[in-house]
Amino acid sequence: MPTTVPRCLLLSLAIVDGSSYAASAHEQDQFSLILQQLDTIERLVTRAKTASTAESVERYRFDYPRLTQDIQRIRHGVQGYLSPSRAQPRDPSELVGDYLLDTPLAEPSP
């Protein structure tokens, strides 16, 4: 699961990175499929987050909120490409891509 989600995100990002508008119905269909896949990925992330233990004793854990923000950013970019309001400069900020959190060790109570 952890490697599949980032690969799907990278593939979606690579497709979205084009700078021209959707020129054909086929391309618009492909972007619609990408949006559906992002919905599926987001549901999988929600399921994985729910399944993970909230009080894990592991030092590192997956940063689900950051991944969800990146998915939303990709979705927003695809939707903006499919139906642009007007020609505007692109938002230059990048996806974070690092989803590993360092959980501080709890100090034993006296």
C-alpha atoms as a PDB file:
ATOM      1  CA  MET A   1       0.000   0.000   0.000  1.00  0.00           C
ATOM      2  CA  PRO A   2       2.600   2.667   0.935  1.00  0.00           C
ATOM      3  CA  THR A   3       4.473   2.335  -2.369  1.00  0.00           C
ATOM      4  CA  THR A   4       1.372   2.059  -4.555  1.00  0.00           C
ATOM      5  CA  VAL A   5      -0.195   5.347  -3.448  1.00  0.00           C
ATOM      6  CA  PRO A   6       2.890   7.524  -4.111  1.00  0.00           C
ATOM      7  CA  ARG A   7       3.394   5.838  -7.509  1.00  0.00           C
ATOM      8  CA  CYS A   8      -0.190   6.655  -8.492  1.00  0.00           C
ATOM      9  CA  LEU A   9       0.292  10.224  -7.307  1.00  0.00           C
ATOM     10  CA  LEU A  10       3.496  10.606  -9.287  1.00  0.00           C
ATOM     11  CA  LEU A  11       1.836   9.236 -12.409  1.00  0.00           C
ATOM     12  CA  SER A  12      -1.076  11.626 -11.981  1.00  0.00           C
ATOM     13  CA  LEU A  13       1.295  14.519 -11.407  1.00  0.00           C
ATOM     14  CA  ALA A  14       3.324  13.665 -14.505  1.00  0.00           C
ATOM     15  CA  ILE A  15       0.167  13.686 -16.596  1.00  0.00           C
ATOM     16  CA  VAL A  16      -1.127  16.914 -15.057  1.00  0.00           C
ATOM     17  CA  ASP A  17       2.161  18.742 -15.548  1.00  0.00           C
ATOM     18  CA  GLY A  18       1.395  19.600 -19.195  1.00  0.00           C
ATOM     19  CA  SER A  19       1.074  23.311 -19.908  1.00  0.00           C
ATOM     20  CA  SER A  20      -1.560  23.324 -22.686  1.00  0.00           C
ATOM     21  CA  TYR A  21      -5.319  23.015 -22.346  1.00  0.00           C
ATOM     22  CA  ALA A  22      -7.158  19.771 -23.015  1.00  0.00           C
ATOM     23  CA  ALA A  23      -7.326  19.691 -26.804  1.00  0.00           C
ATOM     24  CA  SER A  24      -9.511  16.678 -27.416  1.00  0.00           C
ATOM     25  CA  ALA A  25     -12.434  14.760 -25.996  1.00  0.00           C
ATOM     26  CA  HIS A  26     -10.102  11.776 -25.524  1.00  0.00           C
ATOM     27  CA  GLU A  27      -7.765  13.830 -23.338  1.00  0.00           C
ATOM     28  CA  GLN A  28     -10.692  15.143 -21.302  1.00  0.00           C
ATOM     29  CA  ASP A  29     -11.885  11.548 -20.817  1.00  0.00           C
ATOM     30  CA  GLN A  30      -8.420  10.589 -19.610  1.00  0.00           C
ATOM     31  CA  PHE A  31      -8.392  13.430 -17.082  1.00  0.00           C
ATOM     32  CA  SER A  32     -11.860  12.407 -15.895  1.00  0.00           C
ATOM     33  CA  LEU A  33     -10.436   8.938 -15.253  1.00  0.00           C
ATOM     34  CA  ILE A  34      -7.580  10.507 -13.307  1.00  0.00           C
ATOM     35  CA  LEU A  35     -10.106  12.340 -11.119  1.00  0.00           C
ATOM     36  CA  GLN A  36     -11.924   9.065 -10.480  1.00  0.00           C
ATOM     37  CA  GLN A  37      -8.634   7.388  -9.573  1.00  0.00           C
ATOM     38  CA  LEU A  38      -7.812  10.228  -7.180  1.00  0.00           C
ATOM     39  CA  ASP A  39     -11.179   9.637  -5.492  1.00  0.00           C
ATOM     40  CA  THR A  40     -10.300   5.955  -5.159  1.00  0.00           C
ATOM     41  CA  ILE A  41      -6.851   6.748  -3.771  1.00  0.00           C
ATOM     42  CA  GLU A  42      -8.360   9.152  -1.274  1.00  0.00           C
ATOM     43  CA  ARG A  43     -10.816   6.485  -0.089  1.00  0.00           C
ATOM     44  CA  LEU A  44      -7.927   4.022   0.313  1.00  0.00           C
ATOM     45  CA  VAL A  45      -5.958   6.584   2.312  1.00  0.00           C
ATOM     46  CA  THR A  46      -8.973   7.159   4.574  1.00  0.00           C
ATOM     47  CA  ARG A  47      -9.356   3.416   5.094  1.00  0.00           C
ATOM     48  CA  ALA A  48      -5.658   2.996   5.840  1.00  0.00           C
ATOM     49  CA  LYS A  49      -5.732   5.903   8.292  1.00  0.00           C
ATOM     50  CA  THR A  50      -8.726   4.397  10.072  1.00  0.00           C
ATOM     51  CA  ALA A  51      -7.075   0.978  10.199  1.00  0.00           C
ATOM     52  CA  SER A  52      -3.821   2.307  11.632  1.00  0.00           C
ATOM     53  CA  THR A  53      -3.619   2.435  15.379  1.00  0.00           C
ATOM     54  CA  ALA A  54      -3.839   5.931  16.807  1.00  0.00           C
ATOM     55  CA  GLU A  55      -1.525   5.154  19.697  1.00  0.00           C
ATOM     56  CA  SER A  56       1.148   3.245  17.889  1.00  0.00           C
ATOM     57  CA  VAL A  57       4.391   2.579  19.694  1.00  0.00           C
ATOM     58  CA  GLU A  58       6.327   2.952  16.446  1.00  0.00           C
ATOM     59  CA  ARG A  59       8.752   5.840  16.187  1.00  0.00           C
ATOM     60  CA  TYR A  60       7.760   6.654  12.621  1.00  0.00           C
ATOM     61  CA  ARG A  61       4.266   6.793  11.229  1.00  0.00           C
ATOM     62  CA  PHE A  62       2.666   7.762   7.942  1.00  0.00           C
ATOM     63  CA  ASP A  63       1.578  11.402   7.524  1.00  0.00           C
ATOM     64  CA  TYR A  64      -1.961  10.893   6.198  1.00  0.00           C
ATOM     65  CA  PRO A  65      -3.030  14.569   6.370  1.00  0.00           C
ATOM     66  CA  ARG A  66      -0.071  15.612   4.211  1.00  0.00           C
ATOM     67  CA  LEU A  67      -0.883  12.942   1.622  1.00  0.00           C
ATOM     68  CA  THR A  68      -4.530  14.055   1.580  1.00  0.00           C
ATOM     69  CA  GLN A  69      -3.425  17.661   0.973  1.00  0.00           C
ATOM     70  CA  ASP A  70      -1.272  16.556  -1.960  1.00  0.00           C
ATOM     71  CA  ILE A  71      -4.157  14.562  -3.446  1.00  0.00           C
ATOM     72  CA  GLN A  72      -6.385  17.635  -3.155  1.00  0.00           C
ATOM     73  CA  ARG A  73      -3.708  19.734  -4.838  1.00  0.00           C
ATOM     74  CA  ILE A  74      -3.464  17.320  -7.757  1.00  0.00           C
ATOM     75  CA  ARG A  75      -7.270  17.193  -8.042  1.00  0.00           C
ATOM     76  CA  HIS A  76      -7.449  20.996  -8.054  1.00  0.00           C
ATOM     77  CA  GLY A  77      -4.791  21.148 -10.788  1.00  0.00           C
ATOM     78  CA  VAL A  78      -6.649  18.651 -13.008  1.00  0.00           C
ATOM     79  CA  GLN A  79      -9.967  20.440 -12.516  1.00  0.00           C
ATOM     80  CA  GLY A  80      -8.327  23.784 -13.247  1.00  0.00           C
ATOM     81  CA  TYR A  81      -6.851  22.343 -16.433  1.00  0.00           C
ATOM     82  CA  LEU A  82     -10.178  20.932 -17.598  1.00  0.00           C
ATOM     83  CA  SER A  83     -12.132  24.111 -16.927  1.00  0.00           C
ATOM     84  CA  PRO A  84      -9.823  27.112 -16.559  1.00  0.00           C
ATOM     85  CA  SER A  85     -11.492  30.333 -15.460  1.00  0.00           C
ATOM     86  CA  ARG A  86      -8.934  32.417 -17.376  1.00  0.00           C
ATOM     87  CA  ALA A  87      -5.268  32.364 -18.247  1.00  0.00           C
ATOM     88  CA  GLN A  88      -3.343  32.708 -14.999  1.00  0.00           C
ATOM     89  CA  PRO A  89       0.175  31.950 -13.876  1.00  0.00           C
ATOM     90  CA  ARG A  90       0.543  28.521 -12.319  1.00  0.00           C
ATOM     91  CA  ASP A  91       1.042  28.116  -8.604  1.00  0.00           C
ATOM     92  CA  PRO A  92       4.771  27.339  -8.289  1.00  0.00           C
ATOM     93  CA  SER A  93       4.565  25.451  -4.994  1.00  0.00           C
ATOM     94  CA  GLU A  94       5.501  21.791  -5.071  1.00  0.00           C
ATOM     95  CA  LEU A  95       4.069  18.673  -3.526  1.00  0.00           C
ATOM     96  CA  VAL A  96       5.663  17.695  -0.278  1.00  0.00           C
ATOM     97  CA  GLY A  97       6.158  14.015  -1.096  1.00  0.00           C
ATOM     98  CA  ASP A  98       7.614  13.089   2.309  1.00  0.00           C
ATOM     99  CA  TYR A  99       5.014  11.270   4.371  1.00  0.00           C
ATOM    100  CA  LEU A 100       7.087   9.924   7.241  1.00  0.00           C
ATOM    101  CA  LEU A 101       6.536  11.439  10.694  1.00  0.00           C
ATOM    102  CA  ASP A 102       8.938  11.040  13.582  1.00  0.00           C
ATOM    103  CA  THR A 103       6.875  10.247  16.672  1.00  0.00           C
ATOM    104  CA  PRO A 104       8.660  11.274  19.852  1.00  0.00           C
ATOM    105  CA  LEU A 105       9.037   8.508  22.392  1.00  0.00           C
ATOM    106  CA  ALA A 106       6.789   8.892  25.419  1.00  0.00           C
ATOM    107  CA  GLU A 107       8.644   9.344  28.679  1.00  0.00           C
ATOM    108  CA  PRO A 108       7.844   6.690  31.275  1.00  0.00           C
ATOM    109  CA  SER A 109       5.771   8.000  34.186  1.00  0.00           C
ATOM    110  CA  PRO A 110       7.457   7.915  37.613  1.00  0.00           C
END
